[in-house]
Amino acid sequence: MISDPEQQDTTKTTTEQSSIKPREFFNEEYFEGNDIRPSNYLGGYSEFGYGKGNFYKHELEVIGKYFPQGGRIIEIGAATGTFGHAVRNKWPDGRFQYFGTDISEYALPQSKGEQTAGLAYVNIEEKSLPFKDESANIVTAFDVLEHSNPDKATIEENVREIGRILKNDGIALVTLPLQGTWFKKILGVFGIHEADPSHVQVPTKHQVEQLIRQIDDQFACEEVRYFFPLPKSKISGIPSNVLLVLKKKDSGSSL
């Protein structure tokens, strides 16, 4: 578990955590909103255009760099499968087999299509993903791990579980929102704060650096990229969110 006594507490209280039931919380209202509860996305997930355009441009470049021949992709927290569509559009020859998982019984069925090899309802808080050891070349978790109750599964535990299902030299692409950065402090001056009550593990930059050190026995960190997400693209260099590109070390090699 990431511990950082010199930094602010970035997890919610136990009461706040236990009040959220993930399978019920991530419903249609969470994505699309209604008259009572606004969507977590501006104007609703469908209208927001999340994941379209060049939003995944860099992630696709990373995948193409490490696996130009193709391979198996498992996405943790696929929502409606926007990344799966991006993979299919980038490589229409089908060299990548994409498998989407999510906890949302509203979002996941919408990801069905020819770009999807399979679907599975997965709760990352259960710590054990329903996949065999070393069953994927690439595993992605885009803005997912911050939703997991740390009393059930910490960010480190979830990253290590991702490592279990990765093949040696496979890569994990993980994005997380950040707290305590200069950019978030500026937003705070204007009254803009973390609004999603299910974000119960939002790390600081220092905690991300600490995480990288803690998992060094399992992963080599190939890249740390800070960015600000827009509906159809990302602005690099702004510490609002972070992308980690983690390469699994050969378990048979000496460390």
Protein backbone atom coordinates (compact mmCIF):
# COMPACT_ATOMS: atom_id res chain seq x y z
CA MET A 1 0.00 0.00 0.00
CA ILE A 2 1.24 3.53 -0.74
CA SER A 3 1.91 5.35 2.52
CA ASP A 4 3.10 8.94 2.62
CA PRO A 5 2.89 10.59 6.05
CA GLU A 6 4.34 13.88 4.76
CA GLN A 7 1.67 14.28 2.12
CA GLN A 8 -2.05 14.98 2.46
CA ASP A 9 -4.44 12.09 2.99
CA THR A 10 -5.71 11.22 -0.48
CA THR A 11 -8.28 8.60 0.49
CA LYS A 12 -11.82 9.17 1.69
CA THR A 13 -13.08 8.09 5.08
CA THR A 14 -14.26 4.55 5.65
CA THR A 15 -17.83 5.82 5.90
CA GLU A 16 -17.58 7.54 2.52
CA GLN A 17 -16.02 4.45 0.95
CA SER A 18 -18.58 2.00 2.31
CA SER A 19 -21.49 4.19 1.18
CA ILE A 20 -20.63 3.51 -2.47
CA LYS A 21 -21.76 0.20 -3.91
CA PRO A 22 -19.85 -0.01 -7.19
CA ARG A 23 -22.24 -2.22 -9.15
CA GLU A 24 -25.08 0.16 -8.32
CA PHE A 25 -23.08 3.40 -8.50
CA PHE A 26 -21.68 3.01 -12.03
CA ASN A 27 -25.10 2.99 -13.67
CA GLU A 28 -26.64 4.95 -16.51
CA GLU A 29 -26.95 8.08 -14.36
CA TYR A 30 -23.20 8.03 -13.62
CA PHE A 31 -22.40 8.08 -17.33
CA GLU A 32 -25.31 10.04 -18.82
CA GLY A 33 -26.82 11.96 -15.88
CA ASN A 34 -30.43 13.01 -15.34
CA ASP A 35 -32.41 15.91 -13.88
CA ILE A 36 -31.39 14.97 -10.34
CA ARG A 37 -27.83 13.67 -10.74
CA PRO A 38 -25.47 15.26 -13.27
CA SER A 39 -23.26 13.03 -15.36
CA ASN A 40 -19.63 12.56 -14.34
CA TYR A 41 -18.90 13.74 -17.92
CA LEU A 42 -19.81 17.13 -19.38
CA GLY A 43 -23.15 16.75 -21.12
CA GLY A 44 -23.12 12.98 -20.64
CA TYR A 45 -20.72 10.24 -21.69
CA SER A 46 -22.27 9.75 -25.12
CA GLU A 47 -22.12 13.46 -25.99
CA PHE A 48 -18.77 14.06 -24.29
CA GLY A 49 -16.93 12.23 -27.05
CA TYR A 50 -14.68 10.58 -24.51
CA GLY A 51 -11.97 8.48 -26.15
CA LYS A 52 -12.64 9.67 -29.69
CA GLY A 53 -10.33 11.69 -31.91
CA ASN A 54 -6.71 11.65 -30.73
CA PHE A 55 -7.46 10.90 -27.09
CA TYR A 56 -5.57 7.58 -27.16
CA LYS A 57 -2.97 8.62 -29.75
CA HIS A 58 0.05 8.25 -27.45
CA GLU A 59 -1.16 5.00 -25.86
CA LEU A 60 -1.60 3.47 -29.31
CA GLU A 61 1.90 4.60 -30.28
CA VAL A 62 3.29 2.89 -27.17
CA ILE A 63 1.49 -0.34 -27.98
CA GLY A 64 2.69 -0.23 -31.59
CA LYS A 65 6.25 0.34 -30.40
CA TYR A 66 6.37 -2.68 -28.09
CA PHE A 67 4.11 -5.05 -30.04
CA PRO A 68 4.14 -4.16 -33.75
CA GLN A 69 3.21 -7.75 -34.53
CA GLY A 70 0.07 -7.59 -32.41
CA GLY A 71 -1.07 -9.50 -29.35
CA ARG A 72 -3.74 -9.77 -26.71
CA ILE A 73 -5.03 -6.65 -24.94
CA ILE A 74 -7.06 -6.80 -21.74
CA GLU A 75 -8.63 -3.54 -20.64
CA ILE A 76 -9.60 -3.14 -16.99
CA GLY A 77 -12.45 -0.64 -16.73
CA ALA A 78 -13.40 -0.53 -20.41
CA ALA A 79 -16.70 1.33 -19.89
CA THR A 80 -18.31 1.43 -23.35
CA GLY A 81 -15.21 0.15 -25.11
CA THR A 82 -13.89 3.40 -26.57
CA PHE A 83 -10.29 2.18 -26.35
CA GLY A 84 -11.25 -1.06 -28.06
CA HIS A 85 -12.69 0.96 -30.94
CA ALA A 86 -9.50 3.03 -31.09
CA VAL A 87 -7.41 -0.16 -31.32
CA ARG A 88 -9.64 -1.51 -34.08
CA ASN A 89 -9.47 1.75 -36.03
CA LYS A 90 -5.67 1.85 -35.71
CA TRP A 91 -5.15 -1.79 -36.69
CA PRO A 92 -8.16 -2.93 -38.76
CA ASP A 93 -6.26 -6.08 -39.75
CA GLY A 94 -7.18 -7.59 -36.37
CA ARG A 95 -3.61 -8.17 -35.17
CA PHE A 96 -4.72 -7.22 -31.65
CA GLN A 97 -7.26 -9.30 -29.77
CA TYR A 98 -9.08 -6.93 -27.42
CA PHE A 99 -10.88 -8.12 -24.29
CA GLY A 100 -12.88 -5.54 -22.31
CA THR A 101 -13.82 -5.73 -18.64
CA ASP A 102 -15.84 -3.41 -16.42
CA ILE A 103 -18.03 -3.45 -13.33
CA SER A 104 -20.81 -1.43 -14.97
CA GLU A 105 -23.77 -3.43 -16.19
CA TYR A 106 -24.88 -0.33 -18.09
CA ALA A 107 -21.66 0.53 -19.89
CA LEU A 108 -20.05 -2.79 -20.74
CA PRO A 109 -22.80 -4.22 -22.99
CA GLN A 110 -22.41 -1.17 -25.23
CA SER A 111 -18.84 -2.17 -26.08
CA LYS A 112 -19.96 -5.23 -28.03
CA GLY A 113 -18.80 -5.22 -31.61
CA GLU A 114 -16.35 -6.79 -33.97
CA GLN A 115 -13.46 -5.12 -32.16
CA THR A 116 -14.21 -7.12 -29.00
CA ALA A 117 -12.95 -10.65 -28.44
CA GLY A 118 -14.86 -10.95 -25.18
CA LEU A 119 -16.39 -9.14 -22.23
CA ALA A 120 -16.32 -9.75 -18.47
CA TYR A 121 -17.83 -8.02 -15.46
CA VAL A 122 -14.91 -7.40 -13.11
CA ASN A 123 -14.68 -5.73 -9.72
CA ILE A 124 -11.06 -4.67 -9.18
CA GLU A 125 -11.67 -4.57 -5.42
CA GLU A 126 -11.87 -8.37 -5.42
CA LYS A 127 -8.08 -8.39 -6.02
CA SER A 128 -8.17 -11.44 -8.31
CA LEU A 129 -8.85 -10.86 -12.00
CA PRO A 130 -10.57 -13.74 -13.85
CA PHE A 131 -7.61 -14.44 -16.13
CA LYS A 132 -4.81 -16.98 -16.06
CA ASP A 133 -1.22 -16.07 -15.26
CA GLU A 134 0.64 -14.51 -18.19
CA SER A 135 -2.42 -14.40 -20.43
CA ALA A 136 -2.00 -10.94 -21.98
CA ASN A 137 0.63 -8.93 -23.83
CA ILE A 138 -0.90 -5.60 -22.83
CA VAL A 139 -3.13 -4.65 -19.92
CA THR A 140 -4.63 -1.18 -19.64
CA ALA A 141 -6.32 0.52 -16.69
CA PHE A 142 -7.29 4.05 -17.67
CA ASP A 143 -8.59 6.12 -14.73
CA VAL A 144 -9.77 2.99 -12.91
CA LEU A 145 -7.59 2.17 -9.91
CA GLU A 146 -8.53 5.35 -8.04
CA HIS A 147 -12.05 3.91 -7.70
CA SER A 148 -10.93 0.92 -5.63
CA ASN A 149 -11.52 1.03 -1.86
CA PRO A 150 -8.01 0.86 -0.32
CA ASP A 151 -9.35 -1.30 2.52
CA LYS A 152 -10.09 -3.92 -0.14
CA ALA A 153 -7.35 -3.37 -2.72
CA THR A 154 -4.69 -0.68 -2.84
CA ILE A 155 -3.31 0.77 -6.06
CA GLU A 156 -0.13 -1.24 -5.56
CA GLU A 157 -2.07 -4.49 -5.06
CA ASN A 158 -4.08 -3.87 -8.21
CA VAL A 159 -0.96 -3.09 -10.25
CA ARG A 160 0.66 -6.30 -9.00
CA GLU A 161 -2.45 -8.26 -9.97
CA ILE A 162 -2.22 -6.73 -13.43
CA GLY A 163 1.37 -7.96 -13.49
CA ARG A 164 0.22 -11.48 -12.71
CA ILE A 165 -1.83 -11.70 -15.90
CA LEU A 166 0.86 -10.06 -18.03
CA LYS A 167 3.36 -12.12 -19.97
CA ASN A 168 7.04 -11.47 -19.35
CA ASP A 169 8.03 -8.26 -21.18
CA GLY A 170 4.35 -7.38 -21.48
CA ILE A 171 3.33 -3.80 -20.77
CA ALA A 172 0.76 -2.21 -18.50
CA LEU A 173 -0.60 1.24 -19.28
CA VAL A 174 -2.09 2.86 -16.19
CA THR A 175 -3.54 6.35 -15.87
CA LEU A 176 -4.50 8.01 -12.61
CA PRO A 177 -5.78 11.44 -11.58
CA LEU A 178 -3.46 13.35 -9.27
CA GLN A 179 -3.90 15.49 -6.18
CA GLY A 180 -1.73 18.21 -4.69
CA THR A 181 -0.05 19.35 -7.94
CA TRP A 182 0.39 23.02 -8.82
CA PHE A 183 -2.26 22.64 -11.50
CA LYS A 184 -4.81 21.17 -9.09
CA LYS A 185 -4.02 23.96 -6.60
CA ILE A 186 -4.76 26.56 -9.28
CA LEU A 187 -8.05 24.83 -10.06
CA GLY A 188 -8.83 24.89 -6.34
CA VAL A 189 -8.45 28.68 -6.26
CA PHE A 190 -11.32 28.82 -8.75
CA GLY A 191 -13.39 26.42 -6.66
CA ILE A 192 -12.80 23.40 -8.91
CA HIS A 193 -12.18 20.28 -6.85
CA GLU A 194 -12.36 16.49 -7.17
CA ALA A 195 -16.08 15.89 -7.74
CA ASP A 196 -16.38 12.13 -8.20
CA PRO A 197 -17.21 10.56 -4.80
CA SER A 198 -15.97 7.18 -6.07
CA HIS A 199 -12.42 8.53 -6.41
CA VAL A 200 -11.19 7.13 -3.10
CA GLN A 201 -7.49 6.64 -3.97
CA VAL A 202 -6.14 9.72 -5.73
CA PRO A 203 -2.35 9.86 -5.30
CA THR A 204 0.06 12.77 -5.22
CA LYS A 205 3.05 12.88 -7.58
CA HIS A 206 5.23 11.80 -4.65
CA GLN A 207 3.03 8.75 -4.05
CA VAL A 208 3.23 7.82 -7.73
CA GLU A 209 7.03 7.95 -7.50
CA GLN A 210 6.82 5.82 -4.36
CA LEU A 211 4.60 3.31 -6.16
CA ILE A 212 7.16 2.97 -8.96
CA ARG A 213 9.83 2.13 -6.40
CA GLN A 214 7.60 -0.36 -4.58
CA ILE A 215 6.84 -2.37 -7.72
CA ASP A 216 10.41 -2.26 -9.03
CA ASP A 217 10.81 -5.99 -8.36
CA GLN A 218 8.01 -6.73 -10.83
CA PHE A 219 8.04 -3.84 -13.32
CA ALA A 220 10.45 -1.53 -15.08
CA CYS A 221 8.87 1.90 -15.45
CA GLU A 222 9.40 2.83 -19.09
CA GLU A 223 7.58 6.16 -19.03
CA VAL A 224 5.90 8.67 -16.72
CA ARG A 225 3.79 11.15 -18.65
CA TYR A 226 1.74 13.96 -17.10
CA PHE A 227 -1.25 15.34 -18.96
CA PHE A 228 -4.56 17.19 -18.80
CA PRO A 229 -7.44 15.27 -20.40
CA LEU A 230 -9.80 16.94 -22.85
CA PRO A 231 -12.79 15.18 -24.47
CA LYS A 232 -10.89 14.20 -27.62
CA SER A 233 -7.21 14.75 -26.78
CA LYS A 234 -4.70 15.25 -23.96
CA ILE A 235 -2.43 18.23 -23.27
CA SER A 236 0.99 16.88 -22.31
CA GLY A 237 3.06 18.28 -19.46
CA ILE A 238 0.23 19.50 -17.23
CA PRO A 239 0.16 17.51 -13.95
CA SER A 240 -3.55 16.83 -13.76
CA ASN A 241 -3.29 13.10 -14.55
CA VAL A 242 -0.42 10.70 -15.08
CA LEU A 243 0.24 7.85 -17.51
CA LEU A 244 2.57 5.06 -16.39
CA VAL A 245 4.03 2.67 -18.95
CA LEU A 246 5.20 -0.37 -17.00
CA LYS A 247 7.10 -3.29 -18.53
CA LYS A 248 6.91 -6.60 -16.70
CA LYS A 249 10.28 -8.05 -15.85
CA ASP A 250 11.17 -11.61 -16.73
CA SER A 251 10.25 -13.54 -13.60
CA GLY A 252 13.04 -16.02 -14.33
CA SER A 253 15.78 -13.39 -14.44
CA SER A 254 17.87 -12.36 -11.49
CA LEU A 255 16.92 -8.98 -10.03
